[in-house]
Amino acid sequence: MSKTRKHIPQRTCVGCRQVQAKREMVRIIRTPSGLQIDPTGKMAGRGVYIHNQRSCWETGIKGPVSHALKTSISKADQQYLYQHMNSLPLEE
């Protein structure tokens, strides 16, 4: 018997454009009330994926997130995203 490998969904990070397994990234979704971080990856809404690294978040917040979500980022949403970014560990 040959074992079939399970399919692992791949996603592209909006910050660095690298493709990686979906589970290794954070999903940000657009909701009617604003942007939200989706820890489960299953919430309804248009979403983008981003690595859990400050460099990817810094790049992503500047433009690629709003472009991919087809919306403009409000000041409140920007604060929310920066707050999450600042909770991430510093990279070496």
PDB file of N, CA and C in Angstrom:
ATOM      1  N   MET A   1       0.827  -1.190   0.000  1.00  0.00           N
ATOM      2  CA  MET A   1       0.000   0.000   0.000  1.00  0.00           C
ATOM      3  C   MET A   1       0.871   1.253   0.000  1.00  0.00           C
ATOM      4  N   SER A   2       0.516   2.171  -0.833  1.00  0.00           N
ATOM      5  CA  SER A   2       1.253   3.440  -0.833  1.00  0.00           C
ATOM      6  C   SER A   2       0.454   4.474  -0.048  1.00  0.00           C
ATOM      7  N   LYS A   3       1.155   5.192   0.783  1.00  0.00           N
ATOM      8  CA  LYS A   3       0.492   6.227   1.569  1.00  0.00           C
ATOM      9  C   LYS A   3       0.383   7.493   0.728  1.00  0.00           C
ATOM     10  N   THR A   4      -0.819   8.046   0.674  1.00  0.00           N
ATOM     11  CA  THR A   4      -0.982   9.301  -0.044  1.00  0.00           C
ATOM     12  C   THR A   4      -0.729  10.441   0.931  1.00  0.00           C
ATOM     13  N   ARG A   5      -0.002  11.409   0.456  1.00  0.00           N
ATOM     14  CA  ARG A   5       0.288  12.563   1.314  1.00  0.00           C
ATOM     15  C   ARG A   5      -0.921  13.468   1.354  1.00  0.00           C
ATOM     16  N   LYS A   6      -1.199  13.966   2.537  1.00  0.00           N
ATOM     17  CA  LYS A   6      -2.331  14.871   2.707  1.00  0.00           C
ATOM     18  C   LYS A   6      -2.002  16.232   2.090  1.00  0.00           C
ATOM     19  N   HIS A   7      -2.977  16.791   1.414  1.00  0.00           N
ATOM     20  CA  HIS A   7      -2.798  18.109   0.794  1.00  0.00           C
ATOM     21  C   HIS A   7      -2.677  19.180   1.870  1.00  0.00           C
ATOM     22  N   ILE A   8      -1.668  20.013   1.769  1.00  0.00           N
ATOM     23  CA  ILE A   8      -1.479  21.118   2.702  1.00  0.00           C
ATOM     24  C   ILE A   8      -1.740  22.416   1.944  1.00  0.00           C
ATOM     25  N   PRO A   9      -2.797  23.171   2.328  1.00  0.00           N
ATOM     26  CA  PRO A   9      -3.095  24.413   1.623  1.00  0.00           C
ATOM     27  C   PRO A   9      -1.953  25.427   1.758  1.00  0.00           C
ATOM     28  N   GLN A  10      -1.625  26.071   0.662  1.00  0.00           N
ATOM     29  CA  GLN A  10      -0.553  27.068   0.638  1.00  0.00           C
ATOM     30  C   GLN A  10      -1.162  28.455   0.460  1.00  0.00           C
ATOM     31  N   ARG A  11      -0.556  29.451   1.099  1.00  0.00           N
ATOM     32  CA  ARG A  11      -0.996  30.832   0.949  1.00  0.00           C
ATOM     33  C   ARG A  11       0.231  31.726   0.787  1.00  0.00           C
ATOM     34  N   THR A  12       0.023  32.896   0.196  1.00  0.00           N
ATOM     35  CA  THR A  12       1.104  33.851  -0.010  1.00  0.00           C
ATOM     36  C   THR A  12       0.986  34.969   1.017  1.00  0.00           C
ATOM     37  N   CYS A  13       2.086  35.284   1.679  1.00  0.00           N
ATOM     38  CA  CYS A  13       2.133  36.369   2.660  1.00  0.00           C
ATOM     39  C   CYS A  13       2.053  37.703   1.921  1.00  0.00           C
ATOM     40  N   VAL A  14       1.163  38.600   2.357  1.00  0.00           N
ATOM     41  CA  VAL A  14       1.050  39.905   1.706  1.00  0.00           C
ATOM     42  C   VAL A  14       2.231  40.808   2.030  1.00  0.00           C
ATOM     43  N   GLY A  15       2.990  40.485   3.069  1.00  0.00           N
ATOM     44  CA  GLY A  15       4.147  41.300   3.441  1.00  0.00           C
ATOM     45  C   GLY A  15       5.372  40.993   2.610  1.00  0.00           C
ATOM     46  N   CYS A  16       5.768  39.708   2.568  1.00  0.00           N
ATOM     47  CA  CYS A  16       7.027  39.341   1.904  1.00  0.00           C
ATOM     48  C   CYS A  16       6.817  38.552   0.612  1.00  0.00           C
ATOM     49  N   ARG A  17       5.570  38.198   0.303  1.00  0.00           N
ATOM     50  CA  ARG A  17       5.200  37.473  -0.919  1.00  0.00           C
ATOM     51  C   ARG A  17       5.737  36.038  -0.965  1.00  0.00           C
ATOM     52  N   GLN A  18       6.131  35.469   0.177  1.00  0.00           N
ATOM     53  CA  GLN A  18       6.577  34.070   0.199  1.00  0.00           C
ATOM     54  C   GLN A  18       5.380  33.155   0.392  1.00  0.00           C
ATOM     55  N   VAL A  19       5.422  32.001  -0.273  1.00  0.00           N
ATOM     56  CA  VAL A  19       4.349  31.023  -0.158  1.00  0.00           C
ATOM     57  C   VAL A  19       4.716  30.040   0.952  1.00  0.00           C
ATOM     58  N   GLN A  20       3.746  29.784   1.817  1.00  0.00           N
ATOM     59  CA  GLN A  20       3.974  28.864   2.926  1.00  0.00           C
ATOM     60  C   GLN A  20       2.659  28.195   3.302  1.00  0.00           C
ATOM     61  N   ALA A  21       2.726  27.214   4.178  1.00  0.00           N
ATOM     62  CA  ALA A  21       1.515  26.524   4.626  1.00  0.00           C
ATOM     63  C   ALA A  21       0.572  27.515   5.310  1.00  0.00           C
ATOM     64  N   LYS A  22      -0.701  27.375   5.004  1.00  0.00           N
ATOM     65  CA  LYS A  22      -1.738  28.260   5.530  1.00  0.00           C
ATOM     66  C   LYS A  22      -1.716  28.325   7.057  1.00  0.00           C
ATOM     67  N   ARG A  23      -1.499  27.205   7.714  1.00  0.00           N
ATOM     68  CA  ARG A  23      -1.524  27.129   9.178  1.00  0.00           C
ATOM     69  C   ARG A  23      -0.400  27.917   9.855  1.00  0.00           C
ATOM     70  N   GLU A  24       0.664  28.212   9.113  1.00  0.00           N
ATOM     71  CA  GLU A  24       1.809  28.915   9.690  1.00  0.00           C
ATOM     72  C   GLU A  24       1.668  30.430   9.616  1.00  0.00           C
ATOM     73  N   MET A  25       0.533  30.894   9.098  1.00  0.00           N
ATOM     74  CA  MET A  25       0.329  32.335   8.938  1.00  0.00           C
ATOM     75  C   MET A  25      -0.893  32.808   9.712  1.00  0.00           C
ATOM     76  N   VAL A  26      -0.996  34.118   9.847  1.00  0.00           N
ATOM     77  CA  VAL A  26      -2.125  34.758  10.511  1.00  0.00           C
ATOM     78  C   VAL A  26      -3.044  35.286   9.413  1.00  0.00           C
ATOM     79  N   ARG A  27      -4.350  35.166   9.627  1.00  0.00           N
ATOM     80  CA  ARG A  27      -5.312  35.662   8.644  1.00  0.00           C
ATOM     81  C   ARG A  27      -5.956  36.942   9.168  1.00  0.00           C
ATOM     82  N   ILE A  28      -6.036  37.929   8.305  1.00  0.00           N
ATOM     83  CA  ILE A  28      -6.727  39.181   8.613  1.00  0.00           C
ATOM     84  C   ILE A  28      -7.940  39.221   7.696  1.00  0.00           C
ATOM     85  N   ILE A  29      -9.113  39.498   8.265  1.00  0.00           N
ATOM     86  CA  ILE A  29     -10.321  39.541   7.438  1.00  0.00           C
ATOM     87  C   ILE A  29     -10.973  40.916   7.475  1.00  0.00           C
ATOM     88  N   ARG A  30     -11.725  41.187   6.422  1.00  0.00           N
ATOM     89  CA  ARG A  30     -12.519  42.417   6.330  1.00  0.00           C
ATOM     90  C   ARG A  30     -13.938  42.072   6.756  1.00  0.00           C
ATOM     91  N   THR A  31     -14.440  42.774   7.749  1.00  0.00           N
ATOM     92  CA  THR A  31     -15.819  42.584   8.200  1.00  0.00           C
ATOM     93  C   THR A  31     -16.544  43.914   8.043  1.00  0.00           C
ATOM     94  N   PRO A  32     -17.869  43.912   8.121  1.00  0.00           N
ATOM     95  CA  PRO A  32     -18.599  45.185   8.024  1.00  0.00           C
ATOM     96  C   PRO A  32     -18.184  46.188   9.101  1.00  0.00           C
ATOM     97  N   SER A  33     -17.725  45.691  10.261  1.00  0.00           N
ATOM     98  CA  SER A  33     -17.335  46.599  11.351  1.00  0.00           C
ATOM     99  C   SER A  33     -15.855  46.982  11.305  1.00  0.00           C
ATOM    100  N   GLY A  34     -15.102  46.462  10.340  1.00  0.00           N
ATOM    101  CA  GLY A  34     -13.678  46.791  10.227  1.00  0.00           C
ATOM    102  C   GLY A  34     -12.827  45.542  10.077  1.00  0.00           C
ATOM    103  N   LEU A  35     -11.528  45.717  10.195  1.00  0.00           N
ATOM    104  CA  LEU A  35     -10.616  44.585  10.058  1.00  0.00           C
ATOM    105  C   LEU A  35     -10.546  43.808  11.359  1.00  0.00           C
ATOM    106  N   GLN A  36     -10.284  42.505  11.223  1.00  0.00           N
ATOM    107  CA  GLN A  36     -10.214  41.646  12.387  1.00  0.00           C
ATOM    108  C   GLN A  36      -9.173  40.562  12.139  1.00  0.00           C
ATOM    109  N   ILE A  37      -8.466  40.162  13.188  1.00  0.00           N
ATOM    110  CA  ILE A  37      -7.516  39.058  13.085  1.00  0.00           C
ATOM    111  C   ILE A  37      -8.289  37.777  13.348  1.00  0.00           C
ATOM    112  N   ASP A  38      -8.124  36.811  12.447  1.00  0.00           N
ATOM    113  CA  ASP A  38      -8.863  35.554  12.504  1.00  0.00           C
ATOM    114  C   ASP A  38      -7.923  34.433  12.937  1.00  0.00           C
ATOM    115  N   PRO A  39      -7.877  34.119  14.235  1.00  0.00           N
ATOM    116  CA  PRO A  39      -6.946  33.086  14.698  1.00  0.00           C
ATOM    117  C   PRO A  39      -7.285  31.680  14.202  1.00  0.00           C
ATOM    118  N   THR A  40      -8.566  31.410  13.926  1.00  0.00           N
ATOM    119  CA  THR A  40      -8.964  30.072  13.482  1.00  0.00           C
ATOM    120  C   THR A  40      -8.774  29.885  11.982  1.00  0.00           C
ATOM    121  N   GLY A  41      -8.781  30.992  11.227  1.00  0.00           N
ATOM    122  CA  GLY A  41      -8.673  30.894   9.775  1.00  0.00           C
ATOM    123  C   GLY A  41      -9.974  30.472   9.128  1.00  0.00           C
ATOM    124  N   LYS A  42     -11.073  30.497   9.867  1.00  0.00           N
ATOM    125  CA  LYS A  42     -12.341  30.008   9.334  1.00  0.00           C
ATOM    126  C   LYS A  42     -13.471  31.027   9.358  1.00  0.00           C
ATOM    127  N   MET A  43     -13.196  32.234   9.828  1.00  0.00           N
ATOM    128  CA  MET A  43     -14.255  33.241   9.895  1.00  0.00           C
ATOM    129  C   MET A  43     -14.667  33.671   8.490  1.00  0.00           C
ATOM    130  N   ALA A  44     -15.921  34.068   8.363  1.00  0.00           N
ATOM    131  CA  ALA A  44     -16.431  34.512   7.067  1.00  0.00           C
ATOM    132  C   ALA A  44     -15.899  35.907   6.759  1.00  0.00           C
ATOM    133  N   GLY A  45     -15.598  36.139   5.517  1.00  0.00           N
ATOM    134  CA  GLY A  45     -15.133  37.452   5.087  1.00  0.00           C
ATOM    135  C   GLY A  45     -13.914  37.327   4.208  1.00  0.00           C
ATOM    136  N   ARG A  46     -13.654  38.364   3.448  1.00  0.00           N
ATOM    137  CA  ARG A  46     -12.479  38.395   2.580  1.00  0.00           C
ATOM    138  C   ARG A  46     -11.244  38.451   3.466  1.00  0.00           C
ATOM    139  N   GLY A  47     -10.268  37.618   3.181  1.00  0.00           N
ATOM    140  CA  GLY A  47      -9.103  37.553   4.051  1.00  0.00           C
ATOM    141  C   GLY A  47      -7.778  37.609   3.320  1.00  0.00           C
ATOM    142  N   VAL A  48      -6.745  37.961   4.075  1.00  0.00           N
ATOM    143  CA  VAL A  48      -5.364  37.934   3.582  1.00  0.00           C
ATOM    144  C   VAL A  48      -4.526  37.211   4.625  1.00  0.00           C
ATOM    145  N   TYR A  49      -3.427  36.660   4.172  1.00  0.00           N
ATOM    146  CA  TYR A  49      -2.537  35.930   5.066  1.00  0.00           C
ATOM    147  C   TYR A  49      -1.222  36.674   5.204  1.00  0.00           C
ATOM    148  N   ILE A  50      -0.653  36.598   6.412  1.00  0.00           N
ATOM    149  CA  ILE A  50       0.591  37.303   6.695  1.00  0.00           C
ATOM    150  C   ILE A  50       1.380  36.515   7.733  1.00  0.00           C
ATOM    151  N   HIS A  51       2.708  36.494   7.564  1.00  0.00           N
ATOM    152  CA  HIS A  51       3.560  35.814   8.547  1.00  0.00           C
ATOM    153  C   HIS A  51       3.475  36.513   9.898  1.00  0.00           C
ATOM    154  N   ASN A  52       3.794  35.797  10.943  1.00  0.00           N
ATOM    155  CA  ASN A  52       3.788  36.378  12.287  1.00  0.00           C
ATOM    156  C   ASN A  52       5.145  37.012  12.574  1.00  0.00           C
ATOM    157  N   GLN A  53       5.578  37.893  11.685  1.00  0.00           N
ATOM    158  CA  GLN A  53       6.864  38.585  11.821  1.00  0.00           C
ATOM    159  C   GLN A  53       6.623  40.077  11.665  1.00  0.00           C
ATOM    160  N   ARG A  54       7.331  40.855  12.462  1.00  0.00           N
ATOM    161  CA  ARG A  54       7.142  42.315  12.400  1.00  0.00           C
ATOM    162  C   ARG A  54       7.433  42.881  11.019  1.00  0.00           C
ATOM    163  N   SER A  55       8.472  42.375  10.355  1.00  0.00           N
ATOM    164  CA  SER A  55       8.835  42.932   9.041  1.00  0.00           C
ATOM    165  C   SER A  55       7.694  42.756   8.034  1.00  0.00           C
ATOM    166  N   CYS A  56       7.035  41.609   8.060  1.00  0.00           N
ATOM    167  CA  CYS A  56       5.913  41.367   7.151  1.00  0.00           C
ATOM    168  C   CYS A  56       4.732  42.278   7.500  1.00  0.00           C
ATOM    169  N   TRP A  57       4.483  42.467   8.798  1.00  0.00           N
ATOM    170  CA  TRP A  57       3.380  43.324   9.229  1.00  0.00           C
ATOM    171  C   TRP A  57       3.648  44.772   8.849  1.00  0.00           C
ATOM    172  N   GLU A  58       4.885  45.250   9.041  1.00  0.00           N
ATOM    173  CA  GLU A  58       5.216  46.638   8.694  1.00  0.00           C
ATOM    174  C   GLU A  58       4.968  46.881   7.211  1.00  0.00           C
ATOM    175  N   THR A  59       5.430  45.962   6.377  1.00  0.00           N
ATOM    176  CA  THR A  59       5.236  46.087   4.933  1.00  0.00           C
ATOM    177  C   THR A  59       3.759  45.978   4.578  1.00  0.00           C
ATOM    178  N   GLY A  60       3.078  45.006   5.166  1.00  0.00           N
ATOM    179  CA  GLY A  60       1.675  44.748   4.842  1.00  0.00           C
ATOM    180  C   GLY A  60       0.744  45.887   5.191  1.00  0.00           C
ATOM    181  N   ILE A  61       0.950  46.487   6.360  1.00  0.00           N
ATOM    182  CA  ILE A  61       0.061  47.566   6.815  1.00  0.00           C
ATOM    183  C   ILE A  61       0.190  48.799   5.922  1.00  0.00           C
ATOM    184  N   LYS A  62       1.356  48.991   5.319  1.00  0.00           N
ATOM    185  CA  LYS A  62       1.584  50.178   4.480  1.00  0.00           C
ATOM    186  C   LYS A  62       0.749  50.187   3.209  1.00  0.00           C
ATOM    187  N   GLY A  63       0.233  49.050   2.777  1.00  0.00           N
ATOM    188  CA  GLY A  63      -0.540  49.077   1.538  1.00  0.00           C
ATOM    189  C   GLY A  63      -1.069  47.744   1.045  1.00  0.00           C
ATOM    190  N   PRO A  64      -0.236  46.695   1.044  1.00  0.00           N
ATOM    191  CA  PRO A  64      -0.715  45.429   0.475  1.00  0.00           C
ATOM    192  C   PRO A  64      -1.962  44.840   1.147  1.00  0.00           C
ATOM    193  N   VAL A  65      -2.139  45.053   2.452  1.00  0.00           N
ATOM    194  CA  VAL A  65      -3.326  44.522   3.137  1.00  0.00           C
ATOM    195  C   VAL A  65      -4.578  45.204   2.599  1.00  0.00           C
ATOM    196  N   SER A  66      -4.563  46.530   2.523  1.00  0.00           N
ATOM    197  CA  SER A  66      -5.749  47.249   2.037  1.00  0.00           C
ATOM    198  C   SER A  66      -6.026  46.916   0.575  1.00  0.00           C
ATOM    199  N   HIS A  67      -4.982  46.749  -0.224  1.00  0.00           N
ATOM    200  CA  HIS A  67      -5.159  46.413  -1.635  1.00  0.00           C
ATOM    201  C   HIS A  67      -5.781  45.020  -1.777  1.00  0.00           C
ATOM    202  N   ALA A  68      -5.257  44.046  -1.027  1.00  0.00           N
ATOM    203  CA  ALA A  68      -5.757  42.675  -1.122  1.00  0.00           C
ATOM    204  C   ALA A  68      -7.183  42.541  -0.580  1.00  0.00           C
ATOM    205  N   LEU A  69      -7.508  43.335   0.438  1.00  0.00           N
ATOM    206  CA  LEU A  69      -8.857  43.285   1.007  1.00  0.00           C
ATOM    207  C   LEU A  69      -9.837  44.176   0.249  1.00  0.00           C
ATOM    208  N   LYS A  70      -9.318  44.918  -0.733  1.00  0.00           N
ATOM    209  CA  LYS A  70     -10.127  45.826  -1.554  1.00  0.00           C
ATOM    210  C   LYS A  70     -10.904  46.822  -0.693  1.00  0.00           C
ATOM    211  N   THR A  71     -10.198  47.431   0.254  1.00  0.00           N
ATOM    212  CA  THR A  71     -10.793  48.419   1.138  1.00  0.00           C
ATOM    213  C   THR A  71      -9.706  49.364   1.604  1.00  0.00           C
ATOM    214  N   SER A  72     -10.093  50.503   2.153  1.00  0.00           N
ATOM    215  CA  SER A  72      -9.093  51.382   2.752  1.00  0.00           C
ATOM    216  C   SER A  72      -9.071  51.093   4.249  1.00  0.00           C
ATOM    217  N   ILE A  73      -7.898  51.208   4.843  1.00  0.00           N
ATOM    218  CA  ILE A  73      -7.752  50.914   6.261  1.00  0.00           C
ATOM    219  C   ILE A  73      -8.017  52.187   7.057  1.00  0.00           C
ATOM    220  N   SER A  74      -8.995  52.120   7.964  1.00  0.00           N
ATOM    221  CA  SER A  74      -9.308  53.279   8.802  1.00  0.00           C
ATOM    222  C   SER A  74      -8.212  53.451   9.852  1.00  0.00           C
ATOM    223  N   LYS A  75      -8.180  54.621  10.476  1.00  0.00           N
ATOM    224  CA  LYS A  75      -7.195  54.888  11.534  1.00  0.00           C
ATOM    225  C   LYS A  75      -7.342  53.882  12.676  1.00  0.00           C
ATOM    226  N   ALA A  76      -8.587  53.550  13.038  1.00  0.00           N
ATOM    227  CA  ALA A  76      -8.835  52.597  14.131  1.00  0.00           C
ATOM    228  C   ALA A  76      -8.301  51.214  13.762  1.00  0.00           C
ATOM    229  N   ASP A  77      -8.546  50.794  12.506  1.00  0.00           N
ATOM    230  CA  ASP A  77      -8.046  49.485  12.057  1.00  0.00           C
ATOM    231  C   ASP A  77      -6.525  49.484  12.015  1.00  0.00           C
ATOM    232  N   GLN A  78      -5.948  50.600  11.578  1.00  0.00           N
ATOM    233  CA  GLN A  78      -4.497  50.707  11.523  1.00  0.00           C
ATOM    234  C   GLN A  78      -3.900  50.573  12.931  1.00  0.00           C
ATOM    235  N   GLN A  79      -4.521  51.245  13.915  1.00  0.00           N
ATOM    236  CA  GLN A  79      -4.079  51.135  15.311  1.00  0.00           C
ATOM    237  C   GLN A  79      -4.164  49.686  15.782  1.00  0.00           C
ATOM    238  N   TYR A  80      -5.262  49.013  15.436  1.00  0.00           N
ATOM    239  CA  TYR A  80      -5.497  47.610  15.812  1.00  0.00           C
ATOM    240  C   TYR A  80      -4.395  46.718  15.246  1.00  0.00           C
ATOM    241  N   LEU A  81      -4.060  46.917  13.963  1.00  0.00           N
ATOM    242  CA  LEU A  81      -3.018  46.104  13.326  1.00  0.00           C
ATOM    243  C   LEU A  81      -1.640  46.408  13.912  1.00  0.00           C
ATOM    244  N   TYR A  82      -1.342  47.691  14.146  1.00  0.00           N
ATOM    245  CA  TYR A  82      -0.050  48.048  14.758  1.00  0.00           C
ATOM    246  C   TYR A  82       0.062  47.500  16.177  1.00  0.00           C
ATOM    247  N   GLN A  83      -1.060  47.494  16.894  1.00  0.00           N
ATOM    248  CA  GLN A  83      -1.060  46.954  18.254  1.00  0.00           C
ATOM    249  C   GLN A  83      -0.694  45.468  18.227  1.00  0.00           C
ATOM    250  N   HIS A  84      -1.287  44.719  17.286  1.00  0.00           N
ATOM    251  CA  HIS A  84      -0.949  43.293  17.160  1.00  0.00           C
ATOM    252  C   HIS A  84       0.507  43.131  16.743  1.00  0.00           C
ATOM    253  N   MET A  85       0.952  43.950  15.786  1.00  0.00           N
ATOM    254  CA  MET A  85       2.330  43.870  15.314  1.00  0.00           C
ATOM    255  C   MET A  85       3.309  44.098  16.465  1.00  0.00           C
ATOM    256  N   ASN A  86       3.018  45.075  17.316  1.00  0.00           N
ATOM    257  CA  ASN A  86       3.919  45.396  18.429  1.00  0.00           C
ATOM    258  C   ASN A  86       3.935  44.309  19.494  1.00  0.00           C
ATOM    259  N   SER A  87       2.953  43.415  19.481  1.00  0.00           N
ATOM    260  CA  SER A  87       2.947  42.304  20.439  1.00  0.00           C
ATOM    261  C   SER A  87       3.814  41.139  19.949  1.00  0.00           C
ATOM    262  N   LEU A  88       4.231  41.205  18.681  1.00  0.00           N
ATOM    263  CA  LEU A  88       5.074  40.144  18.132  1.00  0.00           C
ATOM    264  C   LEU A  88       6.509  40.290  18.626  1.00  0.00           C
ATOM    265  N   PRO A  89       7.224  39.160  18.765  1.00  0.00           N
ATOM    266  CA  PRO A  89       8.605  39.260  19.217  1.00  0.00           C
ATOM    267  C   PRO A  89       9.489  39.941  18.165  1.00  0.00           C
ATOM    268  N   LEU A  90      10.522  40.640  18.630  1.00  0.00           N
ATOM    269  CA  LEU A  90      11.475  41.281  17.716  1.00  0.00           C
ATOM    270  C   LEU A  90      12.257  40.209  16.966  1.00  0.00           C
ATOM    271  N   GLU A  91      12.546  40.497  15.697  1.00  0.00           N
ATOM    272  CA  GLU A  91      13.324  39.546  14.898  1.00  0.00           C
ATOM    273  C   GLU A  91      14.804  39.819  15.068  1.00  0.00           C
ATOM    274  N   GLU A  92      15.574  38.776  14.856  1.00  0.00           N
ATOM    275  CA  GLU A  92      17.036  38.944  14.966  1.00  0.00           C
ATOM    276  C   GLU A  92      17.657  39.080  13.604  1.00  0.00           C
TER     277      GLU A  92
END
